[in-house]
């Protein structure tokens, strides 16, 4: 993490996997979910069979 005084902001760089989902379960809206075992929202939105088919 690095503070950038000119922009008055912090720069944070990390490697994460984001998955974009468009489905009837998301009310036909795009949802962006971080694939992170700490968060259960990923498993709540996509059942394990769909995750397997997507190679997640």
N, C-alpha and C. Protein backbone atom coordinates (compact mmCIF):
# COMPACT_ATOMS: atom_id res chain seq x y z
N UNK A 1 0.85 -1.17 0.00
CA UNK A 1 0.00 0.00 0.00
C UNK A 1 0.90 1.23 0.00
N UNK A 2 0.51 2.21 -0.83
CA UNK A 2 1.31 3.42 -0.94
C UNK A 2 0.39 4.62 -0.98
N UNK A 3 0.71 5.64 -0.19
CA UNK A 3 -0.07 6.87 -0.19
C UNK A 3 0.42 7.78 -1.32
N UNK A 4 -0.52 8.29 -2.13
CA UNK A 4 -0.18 9.21 -3.22
C UNK A 4 -0.72 10.59 -2.85
N UNK A 5 0.18 11.44 -2.41
CA UNK A 5 -0.21 12.77 -1.93
C UNK A 5 -0.86 13.62 -3.02
N UNK A 6 -0.36 13.53 -4.25
CA UNK A 6 -0.91 14.34 -5.33
C UNK A 6 -2.40 14.04 -5.57
N UNK A 7 -2.78 12.80 -5.41
CA UNK A 7 -4.18 12.40 -5.62
C UNK A 7 -4.95 12.29 -4.30
N UNK A 8 -4.24 12.45 -3.19
CA UNK A 8 -4.83 12.29 -1.86
C UNK A 8 -5.55 10.94 -1.77
N UNK A 9 -4.81 9.89 -2.14
CA UNK A 9 -5.41 8.56 -2.15
C UNK A 9 -4.34 7.51 -1.84
N UNK A 10 -4.81 6.31 -1.57
CA UNK A 10 -3.93 5.18 -1.35
C UNK A 10 -3.96 4.29 -2.58
N UNK A 11 -2.82 3.76 -2.97
CA UNK A 11 -2.71 2.82 -4.06
C UNK A 11 -2.48 1.44 -3.46
N UNK A 12 -3.41 0.53 -3.74
CA UNK A 12 -3.31 -0.83 -3.21
C UNK A 12 -3.34 -1.78 -4.39
N UNK A 13 -2.36 -2.65 -4.44
CA UNK A 13 -2.29 -3.62 -5.54
C UNK A 13 -2.31 -5.02 -4.95
N UNK A 14 -3.20 -5.86 -5.48
CA UNK A 14 -3.24 -7.25 -5.04
C UNK A 14 -3.81 -8.11 -6.17
N UNK A 15 -3.55 -9.38 -6.10
CA UNK A 15 -4.06 -10.31 -7.10
C UNK A 15 -5.35 -10.94 -6.58
N UNK A 16 -6.44 -10.68 -7.27
CA UNK A 16 -7.72 -11.28 -6.92
C UNK A 16 -8.43 -11.74 -8.19
N UNK A 17 -9.35 -12.64 -8.03
CA UNK A 17 -10.16 -13.11 -9.15
C UNK A 17 -11.56 -12.57 -8.97
N UNK A 18 -12.04 -11.86 -10.00
CA UNK A 18 -13.41 -11.35 -10.01
C UNK A 18 -14.18 -12.12 -11.06
N UNK A 19 -15.42 -12.44 -10.75
CA UNK A 19 -16.28 -13.14 -11.69
C UNK A 19 -17.50 -12.27 -11.94
N UNK A 20 -17.84 -12.07 -13.21
CA UNK A 20 -19.03 -11.32 -13.58
C UNK A 20 -20.15 -12.31 -13.87
N UNK A 21 -21.31 -12.07 -13.26
CA UNK A 21 -22.45 -12.98 -13.40
C UNK A 21 -23.67 -12.22 -13.87
N UNK A 22 -24.35 -12.76 -14.88
CA UNK A 22 -25.62 -12.22 -15.37
C UNK A 22 -26.58 -13.39 -15.44
N UNK A 23 -27.58 -13.40 -14.58
CA UNK A 23 -28.45 -14.56 -14.46
C UNK A 23 -29.77 -14.14 -13.85
N UNK A 24 -30.78 -14.99 -14.00
CA UNK A 24 -32.08 -14.67 -13.40
C UNK A 24 -31.98 -14.54 -11.88
N UNK A 25 -31.05 -15.27 -11.27
CA UNK A 25 -30.88 -15.17 -9.81
C UNK A 25 -30.31 -13.82 -9.39
N UNK A 26 -29.72 -13.07 -10.34
CA UNK A 26 -29.23 -11.72 -10.04
C UNK A 26 -30.19 -10.67 -10.58
N UNK A 27 -31.44 -11.12 -10.84
CA UNK A 27 -32.49 -10.25 -11.40
C UNK A 27 -32.05 -9.67 -12.74
N UNK A 28 -31.34 -10.48 -13.52
CA UNK A 28 -30.84 -10.10 -14.84
C UNK A 28 -30.01 -8.81 -14.81
N UNK A 29 -29.25 -8.64 -13.76
CA UNK A 29 -28.28 -7.55 -13.64
C UNK A 29 -26.90 -8.17 -13.49
N UNK A 30 -25.90 -7.46 -13.98
CA UNK A 30 -24.52 -7.92 -13.79
C UNK A 30 -24.13 -7.76 -12.34
N UNK A 31 -23.53 -8.80 -11.78
CA UNK A 31 -22.97 -8.78 -10.43
C UNK A 31 -21.51 -9.16 -10.55
N UNK A 32 -20.67 -8.48 -9.83
CA UNK A 32 -19.24 -8.77 -9.82
C UNK A 32 -18.88 -9.28 -8.44
N UNK A 33 -18.34 -10.48 -8.41
CA UNK A 33 -18.08 -11.17 -7.15
C UNK A 33 -16.61 -11.51 -7.06
N UNK A 34 -16.03 -11.22 -5.93
CA UNK A 34 -14.63 -11.62 -5.70
C UNK A 34 -14.63 -13.08 -5.26
N UNK A 35 -13.83 -13.89 -5.94
CA UNK A 35 -13.71 -15.30 -5.55
C UNK A 35 -12.74 -15.36 -4.38
N UNK A 36 -13.30 -15.46 -3.20
CA UNK A 36 -12.51 -15.43 -1.98
C UNK A 36 -13.17 -16.37 -0.98
N UNK A 37 -12.45 -17.36 -0.46
CA UNK A 37 -13.07 -18.31 0.47
C UNK A 37 -13.58 -17.66 1.76
N UNK A 38 -13.13 -16.47 2.09
CA UNK A 38 -13.60 -15.79 3.30
C UNK A 38 -15.04 -15.30 3.16
N UNK A 39 -15.45 -15.03 1.92
CA UNK A 39 -16.78 -14.49 1.68
C UNK A 39 -17.72 -15.58 1.20
N UNK A 40 -18.87 -15.68 1.78
CA UNK A 40 -19.82 -16.71 1.39
C UNK A 40 -20.74 -16.24 0.26
N UNK A 41 -20.67 -14.97 -0.11
CA UNK A 41 -21.57 -14.47 -1.15
C UNK A 41 -21.36 -15.20 -2.48
N UNK A 42 -20.15 -15.61 -2.75
CA UNK A 42 -19.86 -16.34 -3.99
C UNK A 42 -20.65 -17.64 -4.01
N UNK A 43 -20.63 -18.38 -2.93
CA UNK A 43 -21.35 -19.65 -2.86
C UNK A 43 -22.86 -19.43 -2.79
N UNK A 44 -23.29 -18.32 -2.23
CA UNK A 44 -24.72 -18.05 -2.17
C UNK A 44 -25.29 -17.72 -3.54
N UNK A 45 -24.49 -17.12 -4.41
CA UNK A 45 -24.98 -16.71 -5.71
C UNK A 45 -24.86 -17.81 -6.77
N UNK A 46 -23.77 -18.56 -6.72
CA UNK A 46 -23.55 -19.62 -7.71
C UNK A 46 -23.47 -20.97 -7.01
N UNK A 47 -24.35 -21.87 -7.39
CA UNK A 47 -24.29 -23.18 -6.74
C UNK A 47 -23.02 -23.91 -7.18
N UNK A 48 -22.58 -24.89 -6.40
CA UNK A 48 -21.31 -25.58 -6.68
C UNK A 48 -21.24 -26.20 -8.07
N UNK A 49 -22.36 -26.69 -8.61
CA UNK A 49 -22.35 -27.29 -9.94
C UNK A 49 -22.00 -26.26 -11.01
N UNK A 50 -22.55 -25.06 -10.91
CA UNK A 50 -22.24 -24.00 -11.87
C UNK A 50 -20.78 -23.59 -11.73
N UNK A 51 -20.30 -23.47 -10.50
CA UNK A 51 -18.90 -23.13 -10.27
C UNK A 51 -17.99 -24.16 -10.93
N UNK A 52 -18.35 -25.44 -10.81
CA UNK A 52 -17.55 -26.51 -11.40
C UNK A 52 -17.55 -26.38 -12.93
N UNK A 53 -18.71 -26.11 -13.51
CA UNK A 53 -18.80 -25.98 -14.97
C UNK A 53 -17.97 -24.80 -15.48
N UNK A 54 -17.87 -23.74 -14.67
CA UNK A 54 -17.09 -22.57 -15.05
C UNK A 54 -15.60 -22.72 -14.74
N UNK A 55 -15.25 -23.81 -14.07
CA UNK A 55 -13.84 -24.05 -13.73
C UNK A 55 -13.38 -23.19 -12.59
N UNK A 56 -14.31 -22.85 -11.70
CA UNK A 56 -13.94 -22.01 -10.55
C UNK A 56 -13.67 -22.89 -9.37
